[in-house]
Amino acid sequence: MTAPTVAVTFACYNQVDYTRQCVDSLVRAGFDLSRLVAVDNGSTDATRDYLGTLPLGGRILNGHNLGCGVAWNQGALALQADWTVIMNNDVVVTTGWLDGLVGAANANGLKVVSPALVEGALDYDLEAFRAGDATKMRDVTRRGARHAVCMAVHRSVWDEVGYFRATPSLWGFEDSLFFHELDQAGIACGQVGASWLHHYGSITLSALKRERGLSQKEGLSARDTYRVLGQSFLQRKWARFQRKRQDARWREEELARHGMTLHGERVDGAFHWR
């Protein structure tokens, strides 16, 4: 049987040091950069010079910032594969992350799958953590969970629900719209403990907010986003309540069984599990 093809893409906007860390981690993990498409959304730092030194499968340079949805679509279409991994550029991957991600998706019948992650400061030995405590979670799956920090999308999903909403003014809301469409179509999603990465935490999004004079608590999209989802205010509130309740259940069950969860955060040099 022929192994499924996999492509990876990310959007970047300045923050070249984080992009370099991300690419370096991919190389350490044995990923072939000819399967990576980088989409630059109008960077003014050294990002474009750096990307020009890499043997990438695709390099797309937008004249200005077109937003995540447009960039993700550009990357996914530039190098089409059985599985397309959409990821942030401020992540550090671990050994075996890609095989674990796609393998768990196939084993669990998932069409969109996200890895487990730790967010915050990278003040710990990520590889030692992956080879140690994280192995306790290798068979754990949160069915229905997913996140836009990193997600592998099967090609059948593009055929069924389409791509991301290519509206630059959505700034940061494209993932919620996509996830809503997945739910409406009944697409099987999950977050799995067979794959781990570190996420510094919305580095590009934070930079965009500072550029626009917004606080870190303010969204970049319109306040009435529930209308974009075709939901009433109460429907959106109810859906949010249900998500939070399910997250709490997952956390409680995982802590009871494993002493940790699929979503960690580094606070004052210690792990906190969400």
Protein backbone atom coordinates (compact mmCIF):
# COMPACT_ATOMS: atom_id res chain seq x y z
CA MET A 1 0.00 0.00 0.00
CA THR A 2 1.35 3.43 -0.93
CA ALA A 3 1.97 5.71 2.05
CA PRO A 4 -0.27 8.79 2.14
CA THR A 5 1.31 12.01 0.97
CA VAL A 6 1.63 14.83 3.47
CA ALA A 7 2.26 18.54 2.99
CA VAL A 8 2.78 21.22 5.63
CA THR A 9 2.05 24.93 5.35
CA PHE A 10 2.19 27.94 7.61
CA ALA A 11 1.61 31.67 7.27
CA CYS A 12 4.11 34.13 8.65
CA TYR A 13 4.15 37.85 9.30
CA ASN A 14 7.48 39.09 10.65
CA GLN A 15 8.71 37.23 13.79
CA VAL A 16 11.54 35.59 11.85
CA ASP A 17 13.18 34.13 14.97
CA TYR A 18 10.08 32.03 15.70
CA THR A 19 9.81 30.94 12.07
CA ARG A 20 13.45 29.83 12.16
CA GLN A 21 12.86 27.81 15.34
CA CYS A 22 9.85 26.15 13.74
CA VAL A 23 11.73 25.19 10.58
CA ASP A 24 14.77 24.01 12.55
CA SER A 25 12.54 21.71 14.59
CA LEU A 26 10.99 20.29 11.41
CA VAL A 27 14.46 19.52 10.08
CA ARG A 28 15.53 17.89 13.36
CA ALA A 29 12.41 15.73 13.22
CA GLY A 30 13.43 14.51 9.76
CA PHE A 31 10.81 16.41 7.76
CA ASP A 32 11.60 16.99 4.09
CA LEU A 33 11.36 20.74 3.48
CA SER A 34 10.34 20.09 -0.12
CA ARG A 35 6.95 19.21 1.43
CA LEU A 36 6.66 22.61 3.16
CA VAL A 37 4.96 25.69 1.73
CA ALA A 38 5.63 28.97 3.53
CA VAL A 39 3.27 31.87 2.88
CA ASP A 40 4.58 35.29 3.86
CA ASN A 41 1.93 37.93 4.49
CA GLY A 42 3.97 41.04 3.80
CA SER A 43 6.77 40.76 6.36
CA THR A 44 9.11 43.74 6.72
CA ASP A 45 11.79 42.05 8.84
CA ALA A 46 14.29 39.40 7.67
CA THR A 47 11.61 36.74 7.13
CA ARG A 48 11.70 36.79 3.33
CA ASP A 49 15.48 36.68 3.20
CA TYR A 50 15.43 33.68 5.53
CA LEU A 51 12.76 31.85 3.53
CA GLY A 52 14.85 32.40 0.42
CA THR A 53 17.64 30.27 1.89
CA LEU A 54 15.43 27.21 2.37
CA PRO A 55 14.78 24.35 -0.12
CA LEU A 56 11.01 24.69 0.26
CA GLY A 57 8.31 23.03 -1.78
CA GLY A 58 6.68 26.43 -2.18
CA ARG A 59 7.31 30.03 -1.20
CA ILE A 60 4.45 32.50 -1.60
CA LEU A 61 5.14 36.19 -1.00
CA ASN A 62 2.03 38.31 -0.63
CA GLY A 63 2.29 42.04 -1.20
CA HIS A 64 0.48 42.82 2.04
CA ASN A 65 -1.19 40.98 4.89
CA LEU A 66 -4.13 39.04 3.45
CA GLY A 67 -4.99 37.26 6.70
CA CYS A 68 -4.74 33.65 7.79
CA GLY A 69 -7.61 32.29 5.72
CA VAL A 70 -6.18 33.45 2.41
CA ALA A 71 -2.65 32.34 3.31
CA TRP A 72 -3.74 28.90 4.53
CA ASN A 73 -5.67 28.36 1.31
CA GLN A 74 -2.70 29.44 -0.79
CA GLY A 75 -0.45 26.99 1.02
CA ALA A 76 -2.89 24.10 0.88
CA LEU A 77 -3.51 24.56 -2.83
CA ALA A 78 0.13 25.11 -3.79
CA LEU A 79 1.15 21.61 -2.69
CA GLN A 80 -1.84 19.28 -2.57
CA ALA A 81 -1.59 16.01 -0.65
CA ASP A 82 -3.62 13.31 1.06
CA TRP A 83 -3.05 15.17 4.33
CA THR A 84 -2.34 18.89 4.64
CA VAL A 85 -0.99 20.15 7.95
CA ILE A 86 -1.93 23.76 8.68
CA MET A 87 0.23 25.07 11.49
CA ASN A 88 1.37 28.24 13.20
CA ASN A 89 4.91 29.45 12.65
CA ASP A 90 5.54 29.80 16.41
CA VAL A 91 5.58 26.09 17.18
CA VAL A 92 8.38 23.61 17.84
CA VAL A 93 7.65 20.04 16.79
CA THR A 94 9.02 16.85 18.34
CA THR A 95 10.46 13.60 17.03
CA GLY A 96 7.74 11.45 15.47
CA TRP A 97 5.13 14.21 15.58
CA LEU A 98 3.93 13.78 12.00
CA ASP A 99 3.76 9.98 11.92
CA GLY A 100 2.01 10.05 15.28
CA LEU A 101 -0.51 12.63 14.08
CA VAL A 102 -1.46 10.94 10.81
CA GLY A 103 -1.24 7.46 12.31
CA ALA A 104 -3.64 8.36 15.12
CA ALA A 105 -6.02 9.97 12.62
CA ASN A 106 -6.12 6.81 10.53
CA ALA A 107 -6.47 4.55 13.58
CA ASN A 108 -9.37 6.58 14.95
CA GLY A 109 -11.16 7.39 11.69
CA LEU A 110 -10.49 11.13 12.01
CA LYS A 111 -10.46 13.53 9.07
CA VAL A 112 -9.15 16.54 10.99
CA VAL A 113 -6.66 15.91 13.78
CA SER A 114 -4.63 18.14 16.11
CA PRO A 115 -1.68 17.20 18.33
CA ALA A 116 -1.36 17.59 22.08
CA LEU A 117 0.54 20.71 23.04
CA VAL A 118 2.24 22.75 25.72
CA GLU A 119 1.96 26.53 25.49
CA GLY A 120 4.02 29.35 26.93
CA ALA A 121 7.74 29.60 27.60
CA LEU A 122 9.95 26.85 26.22
CA ASP A 123 11.87 26.61 29.50
CA TYR A 124 11.98 22.81 29.66
CA ASP A 125 13.52 19.97 27.66
CA LEU A 126 10.83 19.32 25.05
CA GLU A 127 12.35 16.12 23.68
CA ALA A 128 12.87 14.67 27.16
CA PHE A 129 9.24 15.48 27.94
CA ARG A 130 8.07 13.80 24.74
CA ALA A 131 10.08 10.66 25.45
CA GLY A 132 9.04 10.64 29.12
CA ASP A 133 5.78 11.86 30.62
CA ALA A 134 4.09 12.47 27.26
CA THR A 135 4.21 8.74 26.44
CA LYS A 136 1.48 8.21 29.04
CA MET A 137 -0.90 10.03 26.70
CA ARG A 138 -0.09 8.25 23.42
CA ASP A 139 -3.43 6.41 23.29
CA VAL A 140 -5.57 9.32 24.51
CA THR A 141 -7.97 10.93 22.04
CA ARG A 142 -10.35 13.83 22.60
CA ARG A 143 -13.02 13.11 20.01
CA GLY A 144 -14.49 16.32 18.67
CA ALA A 145 -11.59 18.48 19.83
CA ARG A 146 -9.29 20.39 17.44
CA HIS A 147 -7.28 23.59 17.42
CA ALA A 148 -5.78 25.87 14.80
CA VAL A 149 -2.29 25.88 16.30
CA CYS A 150 -1.78 22.75 14.22
CA MET A 151 -4.23 20.53 12.38
CA ALA A 152 -3.89 17.86 9.74
CA VAL A 153 -6.75 17.98 7.25
CA HIS A 154 -7.60 15.05 4.98
CA ARG A 155 -8.12 15.92 1.30
CA SER A 156 -11.72 14.64 1.48
CA VAL A 157 -12.53 17.54 3.82
CA TRP A 158 -11.67 20.13 1.18
CA ASP A 159 -14.05 18.35 -1.21
CA GLU A 160 -16.86 18.21 1.33
CA VAL A 161 -16.77 21.55 3.15
CA GLY A 162 -14.34 23.61 1.09
CA TYR A 163 -11.42 25.71 2.25
CA PHE A 164 -11.06 28.56 4.75
CA ARG A 165 -13.12 31.72 4.45
CA ALA A 166 -10.85 34.02 2.47
CA THR A 167 -11.91 37.29 4.04
CA PRO A 168 -8.92 39.30 5.35
CA SER A 169 -11.10 41.36 7.72
CA LEU A 170 -11.92 38.24 9.75
CA TRP A 171 -8.42 38.41 11.35
CA GLY A 172 -8.15 35.36 13.57
CA PHE A 173 -11.70 34.07 13.19
CA GLU A 174 -11.17 31.88 10.12
CA ASP A 175 -10.54 28.79 12.22
CA SER A 176 -13.81 29.15 14.15
CA LEU A 177 -15.76 29.41 10.91
CA PHE A 178 -13.99 26.36 9.50
CA PHE A 179 -14.62 24.33 12.66
CA HIS A 180 -18.28 25.34 12.60
CA GLU A 181 -18.56 24.07 9.03
CA LEU A 182 -16.87 20.80 10.05
CA ASP A 183 -19.45 20.33 12.78
CA GLN A 184 -22.31 21.10 10.43
CA ALA A 185 -21.01 18.47 7.99
CA GLY A 186 -20.37 15.87 10.70
CA ILE A 187 -16.64 15.63 9.95
CA ALA A 188 -14.81 13.46 12.50
CA CYS A 189 -12.24 15.52 14.41
CA GLY A 190 -9.97 14.84 17.35
CA GLN A 191 -6.96 15.87 19.39
CA VAL A 192 -4.49 13.07 20.05
CA GLY A 193 -1.71 12.31 22.51
CA ALA A 194 0.29 10.39 19.91
CA SER A 195 1.79 13.69 18.71
CA TRP A 196 3.16 16.60 20.75
CA LEU A 197 4.47 20.08 20.02
CA HIS A 198 5.28 23.29 21.85
CA HIS A 199 3.41 26.50 21.04
CA TYR A 200 4.84 29.83 22.13
CA GLY A 201 1.40 31.38 21.90
CA SER A 202 -0.15 33.49 19.14
CA ILE A 203 3.05 35.39 18.38
CA THR A 204 1.93 36.59 14.96
CA LEU A 205 -1.59 37.41 16.17
CA SER A 206 -0.20 39.41 19.09
CA ALA A 207 2.02 41.37 16.72
CA LEU A 208 -0.97 42.20 14.54
CA LYS A 209 -2.91 43.45 17.57
CA ARG A 210 -0.04 45.69 18.65
CA GLU A 211 0.22 47.02 15.10
CA ARG A 212 -3.47 47.95 15.14
CA GLY A 213 -3.43 49.42 18.64
CA LEU A 214 -5.62 46.68 20.12
CA SER A 215 -5.27 45.14 23.55
CA GLN A 216 -4.39 41.44 23.73
CA LYS A 217 -7.93 40.75 24.99
CA GLU A 218 -9.58 42.35 21.97
CA GLY A 219 -10.51 40.28 18.96
CA LEU A 220 -9.47 41.20 15.46
CA SER A 221 -12.87 40.24 14.07
CA ALA A 222 -16.25 41.90 14.43
CA ARG A 223 -18.02 41.67 17.79
CA ASP A 224 -21.08 40.06 16.22
CA THR A 225 -19.23 37.01 14.94
CA TYR A 226 -22.13 34.78 15.93
CA ARG A 227 -24.02 36.22 12.96
CA VAL A 228 -21.29 35.04 10.61
CA LEU A 229 -21.85 31.55 11.99
CA GLY A 230 -25.56 31.77 11.28
CA GLN A 231 -26.32 31.48 14.99
CA SER A 232 -28.33 33.63 17.32
CA PHE A 233 -26.59 35.19 20.30
CA LEU A 234 -28.11 32.59 22.61
CA GLN A 235 -27.15 29.70 20.32
CA ARG A 236 -23.54 30.83 20.29
CA LYS A 237 -23.51 31.25 24.07
CA TRP A 238 -24.97 27.77 24.49
CA ALA A 239 -22.42 26.25 22.12
CA ARG A 240 -19.62 27.94 24.04
CA PHE A 241 -21.00 26.64 27.34
CA GLN A 242 -21.12 23.10 25.95
CA ARG A 243 -17.53 23.32 24.71
CA LYS A 244 -16.30 24.53 28.08
CA ARG A 245 -18.19 21.78 29.87
CA GLN A 246 -16.71 19.13 27.58
CA ASP A 247 -13.21 20.58 28.04
CA ALA A 248 -13.68 20.33 31.81
CA ARG A 249 -14.75 16.70 31.51
CA TRP A 250 -11.72 15.80 29.39
CA ARG A 251 -9.43 17.55 31.84
CA GLU A 252 -10.92 15.80 34.85
CA GLU A 253 -10.77 12.35 33.24
CA GLU A 254 -7.21 12.77 31.94
CA LEU A 255 -5.88 14.11 35.24
CA ALA A 256 -7.50 11.24 37.13
CA ARG A 257 -6.01 8.61 34.82
CA HIS A 258 -2.67 10.09 33.82
CA GLY A 259 -1.88 13.04 36.08
CA MET A 260 -1.69 15.31 33.03
CA THR A 261 -3.79 16.30 30.00
CA LEU A 262 -3.42 16.89 26.27
CA HIS A 263 -3.15 20.65 26.81
CA GLY A 264 -0.43 22.00 29.05
CA GLU A 265 0.78 25.48 29.89
CA ARG A 266 4.07 26.60 31.36
CA VAL A 267 3.55 29.02 34.25
CA ASP A 268 6.45 30.11 36.46
CA GLY A 269 8.55 27.16 35.35
CA ALA A 270 5.90 24.52 36.04
CA PHE A 271 3.32 22.59 34.03
CA HIS A 272 -0.33 23.50 34.47
CA TRP A 273 -2.84 21.21 32.77
CA ARG A 274 -5.91 22.55 31.02
